[in-house]
Amino acid sequence: MSVPLVITTAFEGRVDAEKMAAMLLEKRLIACAQISGPVSSSYWWQGKVVSSEEYLLVMKSDESRYNELEQLVGELHPYETPEIIATVITHLSEDYRQWLEKELRR
């Protein structure tokens, strides 16, 4: 298996997060998606600090699928500059690793 990843992005609305998760699952670019929120976000945007409520989409995948996933999220995400952050999973149970590998097969 390629290096396992946790990838996160955020959306203004839950429906957009759900649509993105469904599309990425259907394409087998991710094995799992979790949506949480709303969460309170504060960040710099166009020269000023803004605050908003967002929904976090947390996805499990692997490094071999990351480039395609990043490209699709970037193209389809409603934000001008979407957050797309991948974190390497350094430890996970063998059972979960096997499940992840099985579900990511095309």
PDB file of N, CA and C in Angstrom:
ATOM      1  N   MET A   1       0.842  -1.190   0.000  1.00  0.00           N
ATOM      2  CA  MET A   1       0.000   0.000   0.000  1.00  0.00           C
ATOM      3  C   MET A   1       0.875   1.237   0.000  1.00  0.00           C
ATOM      4  N   SER A   2       0.423   2.244  -0.696  1.00  0.00           N
ATOM      5  CA  SER A   2       1.051   3.557  -0.671  1.00  0.00           C
ATOM      6  C   SER A   2       0.890   4.154   0.731  1.00  0.00           C
ATOM      7  N   VAL A   3       1.608   5.211   1.008  1.00  0.00           N
ATOM      8  CA  VAL A   3       1.558   5.865   2.318  1.00  0.00           C
ATOM      9  C   VAL A   3       0.138   6.348   2.612  1.00  0.00           C
ATOM     10  N   PRO A   4      -0.453   5.942   3.750  1.00  0.00           N
ATOM     11  CA  PRO A   4      -1.809   6.379   4.080  1.00  0.00           C
ATOM     12  C   PRO A   4      -1.838   7.854   4.491  1.00  0.00           C
ATOM     13  N   LEU A   5      -2.930   8.540   4.134  1.00  0.00           N
ATOM     14  CA  LEU A   5      -3.080   9.968   4.403  1.00  0.00           C
ATOM     15  C   LEU A   5      -4.436  10.273   5.020  1.00  0.00           C
ATOM     16  N   VAL A   6      -4.459  11.338   5.810  1.00  0.00           N
ATOM     17  CA  VAL A   6      -5.696  12.001   6.225  1.00  0.00           C
ATOM     18  C   VAL A   6      -5.690  13.342   5.513  1.00  0.00           C
ATOM     19  N   ILE A   7      -6.743  13.638   4.782  1.00  0.00           N
ATOM     20  CA  ILE A   7      -6.822  14.878   4.004  1.00  0.00           C
ATOM     21  C   ILE A   7      -8.024  15.668   4.490  1.00  0.00           C
ATOM     22  N   THR A   8      -7.826  16.961   4.699  1.00  0.00           N
ATOM     23  CA  THR A   8      -8.920  17.801   5.174  1.00  0.00           C
ATOM     24  C   THR A   8      -9.163  18.972   4.228  1.00  0.00           C
ATOM     25  N   THR A   9     -10.418  19.380   4.203  1.00  0.00           N
ATOM     26  CA  THR A   9     -10.832  20.593   3.516  1.00  0.00           C
ATOM     27  C   THR A   9     -12.067  21.111   4.251  1.00  0.00           C
ATOM     28  N   ALA A  10     -12.463  22.325   3.972  1.00  0.00           N
ATOM     29  CA  ALA A  10     -13.603  22.928   4.670  1.00  0.00           C
ATOM     30  C   ALA A  10     -14.564  23.533   3.651  1.00  0.00           C
ATOM     31  N   PHE A  11     -15.847  23.548   4.029  1.00  0.00           N
ATOM     32  CA  PHE A  11     -16.902  24.072   3.162  1.00  0.00           C
ATOM     33  C   PHE A  11     -17.803  25.013   3.942  1.00  0.00           C
ATOM     34  N   GLU A  12     -18.405  25.952   3.242  1.00  0.00           N
ATOM     35  CA  GLU A  12     -19.367  26.860   3.855  1.00  0.00           C
ATOM     36  C   GLU A  12     -20.645  26.124   4.262  1.00  0.00           C
ATOM     37  N   GLY A  13     -21.033  25.125   3.481  1.00  0.00           N
ATOM     38  CA  GLY A  13     -22.268  24.406   3.764  1.00  0.00           C
ATOM     39  C   GLY A  13     -22.070  22.906   3.811  1.00  0.00           C
ATOM     40  N   ARG A  14     -22.881  22.245   4.613  1.00  0.00           N
ATOM     41  CA  ARG A  14     -22.815  20.789   4.768  1.00  0.00           C
ATOM     42  C   ARG A  14     -23.112  20.061   3.449  1.00  0.00           C
ATOM     43  N   VAL A  15     -24.056  20.570   2.679  1.00  0.00           N
ATOM     44  CA  VAL A  15     -24.436  19.918   1.425  1.00  0.00           C
ATOM     45  C   VAL A  15     -23.238  19.832   0.480  1.00  0.00           C
ATOM     46  N   ASP A  16     -22.461  20.905   0.368  1.00  0.00           N
ATOM     47  CA  ASP A  16     -21.272  20.882  -0.492  1.00  0.00           C
ATOM     48  C   ASP A  16     -20.270  19.839  -0.011  1.00  0.00           C
ATOM     49  N   ALA A  17     -20.083  19.738   1.291  1.00  0.00           N
ATOM     50  CA  ALA A  17     -19.168  18.732   1.854  1.00  0.00           C
ATOM     51  C   ALA A  17     -19.664  17.324   1.536  1.00  0.00           C
ATOM     52  N   GLU A  18     -20.961  17.109   1.675  1.00  0.00           N
ATOM     53  CA  GLU A  18     -21.544  15.798   1.385  1.00  0.00           C
ATOM     54  C   GLU A  18     -21.390  15.431  -0.092  1.00  0.00           C
ATOM     55  N   LYS A  19     -21.606  16.391  -0.975  1.00  0.00           N
ATOM     56  CA  LYS A  19     -21.460  16.136  -2.415  1.00  0.00           C
ATOM     57  C   LYS A  19     -20.017  15.780  -2.766  1.00  0.00           C
ATOM     58  N   MET A  20     -19.069  16.517  -2.200  1.00  0.00           N
ATOM     59  CA  MET A  20     -17.665  16.241  -2.468  1.00  0.00           C
ATOM     60  C   MET A  20     -17.298  14.851  -1.955  1.00  0.00           C
ATOM     61  N   ALA A  21     -17.720  14.523  -0.754  1.00  0.00           N
ATOM     62  CA  ALA A  21     -17.419  13.209  -0.185  1.00  0.00           C
ATOM     63  C   ALA A  21     -17.979  12.095  -1.055  1.00  0.00           C
ATOM     64  N   ALA A  22     -19.230  12.233  -1.481  1.00  0.00           N
ATOM     65  CA  ALA A  22     -19.867  11.210  -2.312  1.00  0.00           C
ATOM     66  C   ALA A  22     -19.127  11.015  -3.628  1.00  0.00           C
ATOM     67  N   MET A  23     -18.733  12.100  -4.264  1.00  0.00           N
ATOM     68  CA  MET A  23     -18.040  12.016  -5.538  1.00  0.00           C
ATOM     69  C   MET A  23     -16.684  11.325  -5.380  1.00  0.00           C
ATOM     70  N   LEU A  24     -15.932  11.698  -4.342  1.00  0.00           N
ATOM     71  CA  LEU A  24     -14.607  11.108  -4.122  1.00  0.00           C
ATOM     72  C   LEU A  24     -14.704   9.640  -3.715  1.00  0.00           C
ATOM     73  N   LEU A  25     -15.733   9.289  -2.949  1.00  0.00           N
ATOM     74  CA  LEU A  25     -15.962   7.885  -2.606  1.00  0.00           C
ATOM     75  C   LEU A  25     -16.299   7.082  -3.860  1.00  0.00           C
ATOM     76  N   GLU A  26     -17.176   7.613  -4.684  1.00  0.00           N
ATOM     77  CA  GLU A  26     -17.580   6.920  -5.907  1.00  0.00           C
ATOM     78  C   GLU A  26     -16.384   6.642  -6.810  1.00  0.00           C
ATOM     79  N   LYS A  27     -15.446   7.574  -6.875  1.00  0.00           N
ATOM     80  CA  LYS A  27     -14.250   7.418  -7.703  1.00  0.00           C
ATOM     81  C   LYS A  27     -13.165   6.595  -7.010  1.00  0.00           C
ATOM     82  N   ARG A  28     -13.419   6.156  -5.786  1.00  0.00           N
ATOM     83  CA  ARG A  28     -12.469   5.378  -4.970  1.00  0.00           C
ATOM     84  C   ARG A  28     -11.169   6.141  -4.733  1.00  0.00           C
ATOM     85  N   LEU A  29     -11.262   7.470  -4.685  1.00  0.00           N
ATOM     86  CA  LEU A  29     -10.100   8.276  -4.315  1.00  0.00           C
ATOM     87  C   LEU A  29      -9.955   8.360  -2.801  1.00  0.00           C
ATOM     88  N   ILE A  30     -11.033   8.069  -2.089  1.00  0.00           N
ATOM     89  CA  ILE A  30     -11.007   7.998  -0.635  1.00  0.00           C
ATOM     90  C   ILE A  30     -11.761   6.738  -0.210  1.00  0.00           C
ATOM     91  N   ALA A  31     -11.422   6.252   0.980  1.00  0.00           N
ATOM     92  CA  ALA A  31     -12.109   5.078   1.521  1.00  0.00           C
ATOM     93  C   ALA A  31     -13.123   5.471   2.577  1.00  0.00           C
ATOM     94  N   CYS A  32     -12.982   6.667   3.108  1.00  0.00           N
ATOM     95  CA  CYS A  32     -13.820   7.106   4.221  1.00  0.00           C
ATOM     96  C   CYS A  32     -13.891   8.626   4.214  1.00  0.00           C
ATOM     97  N   ALA A  33     -15.050   9.146   4.613  1.00  0.00           N
ATOM     98  CA  ALA A  33     -15.212  10.601   4.751  1.00  0.00           C
ATOM     99  C   ALA A  33     -16.006  10.877   6.012  1.00  0.00           C
ATOM    100  N   GLN A  34     -15.566  11.865   6.750  1.00  0.00           N
ATOM    101  CA  GLN A  34     -16.282  12.306   7.945  1.00  0.00           C
ATOM    102  C   GLN A  34     -16.519  13.803   7.829  1.00  0.00           C
ATOM    103  N   ILE A  35     -17.725  14.214   8.149  1.00  0.00           N
ATOM    104  CA  ILE A  35     -18.085  15.632   8.095  1.00  0.00           C
ATOM    105  C   ILE A  35     -18.440  16.067   9.507  1.00  0.00           C
ATOM    106  N   SER A  36     -17.831  17.151   9.942  1.00  0.00           N
ATOM    107  CA  SER A  36     -18.161  17.696  11.255  1.00  0.00           C
ATOM    108  C   SER A  36     -18.401  19.186  11.130  1.00  0.00           C
ATOM    109  N   GLY A  37     -19.159  19.696  12.076  1.00  0.00           N
ATOM    110  CA  GLY A  37     -19.420  21.120  12.069  1.00  0.00           C
ATOM    111  C   GLY A  37     -20.877  21.411  12.388  1.00  0.00           C
ATOM    112  N   PRO A  38     -21.176  22.672  12.412  1.00  0.00           N
ATOM    113  CA  PRO A  38     -20.272  23.733  11.985  1.00  0.00           C
ATOM    114  C   PRO A  38     -19.174  24.007  13.020  1.00  0.00           C
ATOM    115  N   VAL A  39     -18.039  24.452  12.506  1.00  0.00           N
ATOM    116  CA  VAL A  39     -16.922  24.896  13.331  1.00  0.00           C
ATOM    117  C   VAL A  39     -16.703  26.374  13.049  1.00  0.00           C
ATOM    118  N   SER A  40     -16.146  27.058  14.007  1.00  0.00           N
ATOM    119  CA  SER A  40     -15.855  28.475  13.840  1.00  0.00           C
ATOM    120  C   SER A  40     -14.447  28.630  13.274  1.00  0.00           C
ATOM    121  N   SER A  41     -14.328  29.320  12.150  1.00  0.00           N
ATOM    122  CA  SER A  41     -13.040  29.536  11.495  1.00  0.00           C
ATOM    123  C   SER A  41     -12.727  31.025  11.443  1.00  0.00           C
ATOM    124  N   SER A  42     -11.485  31.364  11.711  1.00  0.00           N
ATOM    125  CA  SER A  42     -10.987  32.737  11.562  1.00  0.00           C
ATOM    126  C   SER A  42      -9.716  32.667  10.741  1.00  0.00           C
ATOM    127  N   TYR A  43      -9.590  33.571   9.759  1.00  0.00           N
ATOM    128  CA  TYR A  43      -8.454  33.493   8.851  1.00  0.00           C
ATOM    129  C   TYR A  43      -8.284  34.825   8.119  1.00  0.00           C
ATOM    130  N   TRP A  44      -7.090  34.987   7.556  1.00  0.00           N
ATOM    131  CA  TRP A  44      -6.829  36.146   6.714  1.00  0.00           C
ATOM    132  C   TRP A  44      -7.403  35.892   5.332  1.00  0.00           C
ATOM    133  N   TRP A  45      -8.158  36.859   4.804  1.00  0.00           N
ATOM    134  CA  TRP A  45      -8.664  36.770   3.442  1.00  0.00           C
ATOM    135  C   TRP A  45      -8.725  38.157   2.844  1.00  0.00           C
ATOM    136  N   GLN A  46      -8.011  38.338   1.748  1.00  0.00           N
ATOM    137  CA  GLN A  46      -7.972  39.592   1.006  1.00  0.00           C
ATOM    138  C   GLN A  46      -7.658  40.779   1.916  1.00  0.00           C
ATOM    139  N   GLY A  47      -6.623  40.617   2.726  1.00  0.00           N
ATOM    140  CA  GLY A  47      -6.099  41.710   3.533  1.00  0.00           C
ATOM    141  C   GLY A  47      -6.779  41.970   4.854  1.00  0.00           C
ATOM    142  N   LYS A  48      -7.741  41.132   5.241  1.00  0.00           N
ATOM    143  CA  LYS A  48      -8.388  41.355   6.534  1.00  0.00           C
ATOM    144  C   LYS A  48      -8.723  40.018   7.190  1.00  0.00           C
ATOM    145  N   VAL A  49      -8.892  40.065   8.495  1.00  0.00           N
ATOM    146  CA  VAL A  49      -9.275  38.879   9.238  1.00  0.00           C
ATOM    147  C   VAL A  49     -10.792  38.730   9.160  1.00  0.00           C
ATOM    148  N   VAL A  50     -11.228  37.538   8.771  1.00  0.00           N
ATOM    149  CA  VAL A  50     -12.654  37.253   8.691  1.00  0.00           C
ATOM    150  C   VAL A  50     -12.958  36.009   9.523  1.00  0.00           C
ATOM    151  N   SER A  51     -14.195  35.883   9.910  1.00  0.00           N
ATOM    152  CA  SER A  51     -14.661  34.715  10.653  1.00  0.00           C
ATOM    153  C   SER A  51     -15.887  34.152   9.953  1.00  0.00           C
ATOM    154  N   SER A  52     -16.009  32.834   9.987  1.00  0.00           N
ATOM    155  CA  SER A  52     -17.169  32.195   9.370  1.00  0.00           C
ATOM    156  C   SER A  52     -17.386  30.828  10.011  1.00  0.00           C
ATOM    157  N   GLU A  53     -18.554  30.273   9.753  1.00  0.00           N
ATOM    158  CA  GLU A  53     -18.825  28.902  10.143  1.00  0.00           C
ATOM    159  C   GLU A  53     -18.564  28.019   8.932  1.00  0.00           C
ATOM    160  N   GLU A  54     -17.915  26.889   9.177  1.00  0.00           N
ATOM    161  CA  GLU A  54     -17.597  25.958   8.098  1.00  0.00           C
ATOM    162  C   GLU A  54     -17.852  24.527   8.558  1.00  0.00           C
ATOM    163  N   TYR A  55     -17.886  23.638   7.583  1.00  0.00           N
ATOM    164  CA  TYR A  55     -17.995  22.203   7.823  1.00  0.00           C
ATOM    165  C   TYR A  55     -16.703  21.555   7.355  1.00  0.00           C
ATOM    166  N   LEU A  56     -16.102  20.754   8.217  1.00  0.00           N
ATOM    167  CA  LEU A  56     -14.854  20.091   7.887  1.00  0.00           C
ATOM    168  C   LEU A  56     -15.122  18.734   7.257  1.00  0.00           C
ATOM    169  N   LEU A  57     -14.455  18.477   6.167  1.00  0.00           N
ATOM    170  CA  LEU A  57     -14.492  17.179   5.521  1.00  0.00           C
ATOM    171  C   LEU A  57     -13.126  16.538   5.730  1.00  0.00           C
ATOM    172  N   VAL A  58     -13.117  15.429   6.463  1.00  0.00           N
ATOM    173  CA  VAL A  58     -11.892  14.691   6.759  1.00  0.00           C
ATOM    174  C   VAL A  58     -11.968  13.376   5.999  1.00  0.00           C
ATOM    175  N   MET A  59     -10.922  13.094   5.218  1.00  0.00           N
ATOM    176  CA  MET A  59     -10.943  11.934   4.328  1.00  0.00           C
ATOM    177  C   MET A  59      -9.732  11.046   4.554  1.00  0.00           C
ATOM    178  N   LYS A  60      -9.923   9.731   4.372  1.00  0.00           N
ATOM    179  CA  LYS A  60      -8.816   8.786   4.457  1.00  0.00           C
ATOM    180  C   LYS A  60      -8.520   8.281   3.049  1.00  0.00           C
ATOM    181  N   SER A  61      -7.245   8.340   2.681  1.00  0.00           N
ATOM    182  CA  SER A  61      -6.816   7.912   1.359  1.00  0.00           C
ATOM    183  C   SER A  61      -5.365   7.476   1.442  1.00  0.00           C
ATOM    184  N   ASP A  62      -4.673   7.560   0.303  1.00  0.00           N
ATOM    185  CA  ASP A  62      -3.241   7.288   0.319  1.00  0.00           C
ATOM    186  C   ASP A  62      -2.531   8.182  -0.691  1.00  0.00           C
ATOM    187  N   GLU A  63      -1.218   8.156  -0.599  1.00  0.00           N
ATOM    188  CA  GLU A  63      -0.391   9.064  -1.387  1.00  0.00           C
ATOM    189  C   GLU A  63      -0.548   8.848  -2.896  1.00  0.00           C
ATOM    190  N   SER A  64      -0.803   7.618  -3.315  1.00  0.00           N
ATOM    191  CA  SER A  64      -0.920   7.343  -4.753  1.00  0.00           C
ATOM    192  C   SER A  64      -2.139   8.016  -5.378  1.00  0.00           C
ATOM    193  N   ARG A  65      -3.123   8.375  -4.570  1.00  0.00           N
ATOM    194  CA  ARG A  65      -4.342   8.996  -5.075  1.00  0.00           C
ATOM    195  C   ARG A  65      -4.388  10.509  -4.819  1.00  0.00           C
ATOM    196  N   TYR A  66      -3.406  11.009  -4.091  1.00  0.00           N
ATOM    197  CA  TYR A  66      -3.471  12.403  -3.644  1.00  0.00           C
ATOM    198  C   TYR A  66      -3.517  13.404  -4.805  1.00  0.00           C
ATOM    199  N   ASN A  67      -2.673  13.267  -5.791  1.00  0.00           N
ATOM    200  CA  ASN A  67      -2.635  14.272  -6.865  1.00  0.00           C
ATOM    201  C   ASN A  67      -3.970  14.388  -7.588  1.00  0.00           C
ATOM    202  N   GLU A  68      -4.587  13.248  -7.897  1.00  0.00           N
ATOM    203  CA  GLU A  68      -5.890  13.281  -8.568  1.00  0.00           C
ATOM    204  C   GLU A  68      -6.954  13.878  -7.651  1.00  0.00           C
ATOM    205  N   LEU A  69      -6.910  13.496  -6.382  1.00  0.00           N
ATOM    206  CA  LEU A  69      -7.856  14.035  -5.398  1.00  0.00           C
ATOM    207  C   LEU A  69      -7.697  15.554  -5.279  1.00  0.00           C
ATOM    208  N   GLU A  70      -6.459  16.014  -5.142  1.00  0.00           N
ATOM    209  CA  GLU A  70      -6.213  17.455  -5.012  1.00  0.00           C
ATOM    210  C   GLU A  70      -6.715  18.210  -6.242  1.00  0.00           C
ATOM    211  N   GLN A  71      -6.472  17.666  -7.415  1.00  0.00           N
ATOM    212  CA  GLN A  71      -6.912  18.328  -8.641  1.00  0.00           C
ATOM    213  C   GLN A  71      -8.445  18.435  -8.681  1.00  0.00           C
ATOM    214  N   LEU A  72      -9.143  17.342  -8.383  1.00  0.00           N
ATOM    215  CA  LEU A  72     -10.610  17.363  -8.406  1.00  0.00           C
ATOM    216  C   LEU A  72     -11.183  18.302  -7.358  1.00  0.00           C
ATOM    217  N   VAL A  73     -10.671  18.240  -6.149  1.00  0.00           N
ATOM    218  CA  VAL A  73     -11.159  19.134  -5.100  1.00  0.00           C
ATOM    219  C   VAL A  73     -10.928  20.584  -5.517  1.00  0.00           C
ATOM    220  N   GLY A  74      -9.733  20.878  -6.017  1.00  0.00           N
ATOM    221  CA  GLY A  74      -9.424  22.240  -6.451  1.00  0.00           C
ATOM    222  C   GLY A  74     -10.348  22.739  -7.550  1.00  0.00           C
ATOM    223  N   GLU A  75     -10.701  21.857  -8.490  1.00  0.00           N
ATOM    224  CA  GLU A  75     -11.566  22.242  -9.605  1.00  0.00           C
ATOM    225  C   GLU A  75     -13.030  22.402  -9.187  1.00  0.00           C
ATOM    226  N   LEU A  76     -13.505  21.548  -8.289  1.00  0.00           N
ATOM    227  CA  LEU A  76     -14.929  21.498  -7.975  1.00  0.00           C
ATOM    228  C   LEU A  76     -15.320  22.233  -6.697  1.00  0.00           C
ATOM    229  N   HIS A  77     -14.355  22.585  -5.891  1.00  0.00           N
ATOM    230  CA  HIS A  77     -14.637  23.249  -4.619  1.00  0.00           C
ATOM    231  C   HIS A  77     -15.181  24.652  -4.878  1.00  0.00           C
ATOM    232  N   PRO A  78     -16.196  25.080  -4.140  1.00  0.00           N
ATOM    233  CA  PRO A  78     -16.756  26.419  -4.365  1.00  0.00           C
ATOM    234  C   PRO A  78     -15.846  27.568  -3.903  1.00  0.00           C
ATOM    235  N   TYR A  79     -14.868  27.296  -3.045  1.00  0.00           N
ATOM    236  CA  TYR A  79     -13.968  28.362  -2.593  1.00  0.00           C
ATOM    237  C   TYR A  79     -12.949  28.693  -3.672  1.00  0.00           C
ATOM    238  N   GLU A  80     -12.553  29.956  -3.721  1.00  0.00           N
ATOM    239  CA  GLU A  80     -11.519  30.395  -4.652  1.00  0.00           C
ATOM    240  C   GLU A  80     -10.184  29.721  -4.350  1.00  0.00           C
ATOM    241  N   THR A  81      -9.852  29.612  -3.066  1.00  0.00           N
ATOM    242  CA  THR A  81      -8.611  28.977  -2.626  1.00  0.00           C
ATOM    243  C   THR A  81      -8.946  27.983  -1.524  1.00  0.00           C
ATOM    244  N   PRO A  82      -9.349  26.780  -1.887  1.00  0.00           N
ATOM    245  CA  PRO A  82      -9.752  25.831  -0.851  1.00  0.00           C
ATOM    246  C   PRO A  82      -8.564  25.287  -0.067  1.00  0.00           C
ATOM    247  N   GLU A  83      -8.809  25.048   1.189  1.00  0.00           N
ATOM    248  CA  GLU A  83      -7.853  24.342   2.040  1.00  0.00           C
ATOM    249  C   GLU A  83      -7.820  22.892   1.579  1.00  0.00           C
ATOM    250  N   ILE A  84      -6.644  22.395   1.252  1.00  0.00           N
ATOM    251  CA  ILE A  84      -6.460  20.972   0.948  1.00  0.00           C
ATOM    252  C   ILE A  84      -5.169  20.577   1.654  1.00  0.00           C
ATOM    253  N   ILE A  85      -5.305  19.923   2.797  1.00  0.00           N
ATOM    254  CA  ILE A  85      -4.152  19.583   3.623  1.00  0.00           C
ATOM    255  C   ILE A  85      -4.096  18.076   3.800  1.00  0.00           C
ATOM    256  N   ALA A  86      -2.943  17.489   3.483  1.00  0.00           N
ATOM    257  CA  ALA A  86      -2.745  16.058   3.663  1.00  0.00           C
ATOM    258  C   ALA A  86      -1.722  15.827   4.766  1.00  0.00           C
ATOM    259  N   THR A  87      -2.054  14.911   5.653  1.00  0.00           N
ATOM    260  CA  THR A  87      -1.171  14.538   6.756  1.00  0.00           C
ATOM    261  C   THR A  87      -0.889  13.046   6.646  1.00  0.00           C
ATOM    262  N   VAL A  88       0.382  12.690   6.725  1.00  0.00           N
ATOM    263  CA  VAL A  88       0.768  11.283   6.678  1.00  0.00           C
ATOM    264  C   VAL A  88       0.341  10.599   7.969  1.00  0.00           C
ATOM    265  N   ILE A  89      -0.265   9.434   7.826  1.00  0.00           N
ATOM    266  CA  ILE A  89      -0.611   8.613   8.987  1.00  0.00           C
ATOM    267  C   ILE A  89       0.610   7.758   9.299  1.00  0.00           C
ATOM    268  N   THR A  90       1.213   7.993  10.441  1.00  0.00           N
ATOM    269  CA  THR A  90       2.426   7.260  10.784  1.00  0.00           C
ATOM    270  C   THR A  90       2.137   5.951  11.500  1.00  0.00           C
ATOM    271  N   HIS A  91       0.997   5.860  12.154  1.00  0.00           N
ATOM    272  CA  HIS A  91       0.626   4.644  12.869  1.00  0.00           C
ATOM    273  C   HIS A  91      -0.864   4.382  12.665  1.00  0.00           C
ATOM    274  N   LEU A  92      -1.210   3.133  12.389  1.00  0.00           N
ATOM    275  CA  LEU A  92      -2.603   2.734  12.340  1.00  0.00           C
ATOM    276  C   LEU A  92      -2.658   1.225  12.527  1.00  0.00           C
ATOM    277  N   SER A  93      -3.792   0.756  12.979  1.00  0.00           N
ATOM    278  CA  SER A  93      -3.915  -0.677  13.237  1.00  0.00           C
ATOM    279  C   SER A  93      -3.810  -1.453  11.926  1.00  0.00           C
ATOM    280  N   GLU A  94      -3.331  -2.666  12.021  1.00  0.00           N
ATOM    281  CA  GLU A  94      -3.191  -3.498  10.828  1.00  0.00           C
ATOM    282  C   GLU A  94      -4.547  -3.789  10.195  1.00  0.00           C
ATOM    283  N   ASP A  95      -5.575  -4.013  11.013  1.00  0.00           N
ATOM    284  CA  ASP A  95      -6.913  -4.252  10.476  1.00  0.00           C
ATOM    285  C   ASP A  95      -7.408  -3.055   9.674  1.00  0.00           C
ATOM    286  N   TYR A  96      -7.196  -1.833  10.206  1.00  0.00           N
ATOM    287  CA  TYR A  96      -7.641  -0.632   9.492  1.00  0.00           C
ATOM    288  C   TYR A  96      -6.835  -0.453   8.219  1.00  0.00           C
ATOM    289  N   ARG A  97      -5.536  -0.707   8.276  1.00  0.00           N
ATOM    290  CA  ARG A  97      -4.689  -0.597   7.082  1.00  0.00           C
ATOM    291  C   ARG A  97      -5.204  -1.535   5.984  1.00  0.00           C
ATOM    292  N   GLN A  98      -5.527  -2.766   6.345  1.00  0.00           N
ATOM    293  CA  GLN A  98      -6.033  -3.726   5.362  1.00  0.00           C
ATOM    294  C   GLN A  98      -7.373  -3.267   4.774  1.00  0.00           C
ATOM    295  N   TRP A  99      -8.241  -2.752   5.638  1.00  0.00           N
ATOM    296  CA  TRP A  99      -9.529  -2.256   5.164  1.00  0.00           C
ATOM    297  C   TRP A  99      -9.335  -1.087   4.198  1.00  0.00           C
ATOM    298  N   LEU A 100      -8.476  -0.145   4.572  1.00  0.00           N
ATOM    299  CA  LEU A 100      -8.208   1.027   3.737  1.00  0.00           C
ATOM    300  C   LEU A 100      -7.680   0.598   2.374  1.00  0.00           C
ATOM    301  N   GLU A 101      -6.722  -0.302   2.374  1.00  0.00           N
ATOM    302  CA  GLU A 101      -6.143  -0.776   1.115  1.00  0.00           C
ATOM    303  C   GLU A 101      -7.212  -1.451   0.250  1.00  0.00           C
ATOM    304  N   LYS A 102      -8.036  -2.289   0.851  1.00  0.00           N
ATOM    305  CA  LYS A 102      -9.089  -2.988   0.108  1.00  0.00           C
ATOM    306  C   LYS A 102     -10.079  -2.006  -0.514  1.00  0.00           C
ATOM    307  N   GLU A 103     -10.506  -0.999   0.239  1.00  0.00           N
ATOM    308  CA  GLU A 103     -11.520  -0.063  -0.252  1.00  0.00           C
ATOM    309  C   GLU A 103     -10.999   0.916  -1.288  1.00  0.00           C
ATOM    310  N   LEU A 104      -9.702   1.120  -1.325  1.00  0.00           N
ATOM    311  CA  LEU A 104      -9.127   2.033  -2.320  1.00  0.00           C
ATOM    312  C   LEU A 104      -8.811   1.348  -3.633  1.00  0.00           C
ATOM    313  N   ARG A 105      -8.900   0.029  -3.673  1.00  0.00           N
ATOM    314  CA  ARG A 105      -8.664  -0.684  -4.936  1.00  0.00           C
ATOM    315  C   ARG A 105      -9.690  -0.254  -5.971  1.00  0.00           C
ATOM    316  N   ARG A 106      -9.257  -0.163  -7.182  1.00  0.00           N
ATOM    317  CA  ARG A 106     -10.162   0.241  -8.268  1.00  0.00           C
ATOM    318  C   ARG A 106     -10.695  -0.947  -8.996  1.00  0.00           C
TER     319      ARG A 106
END
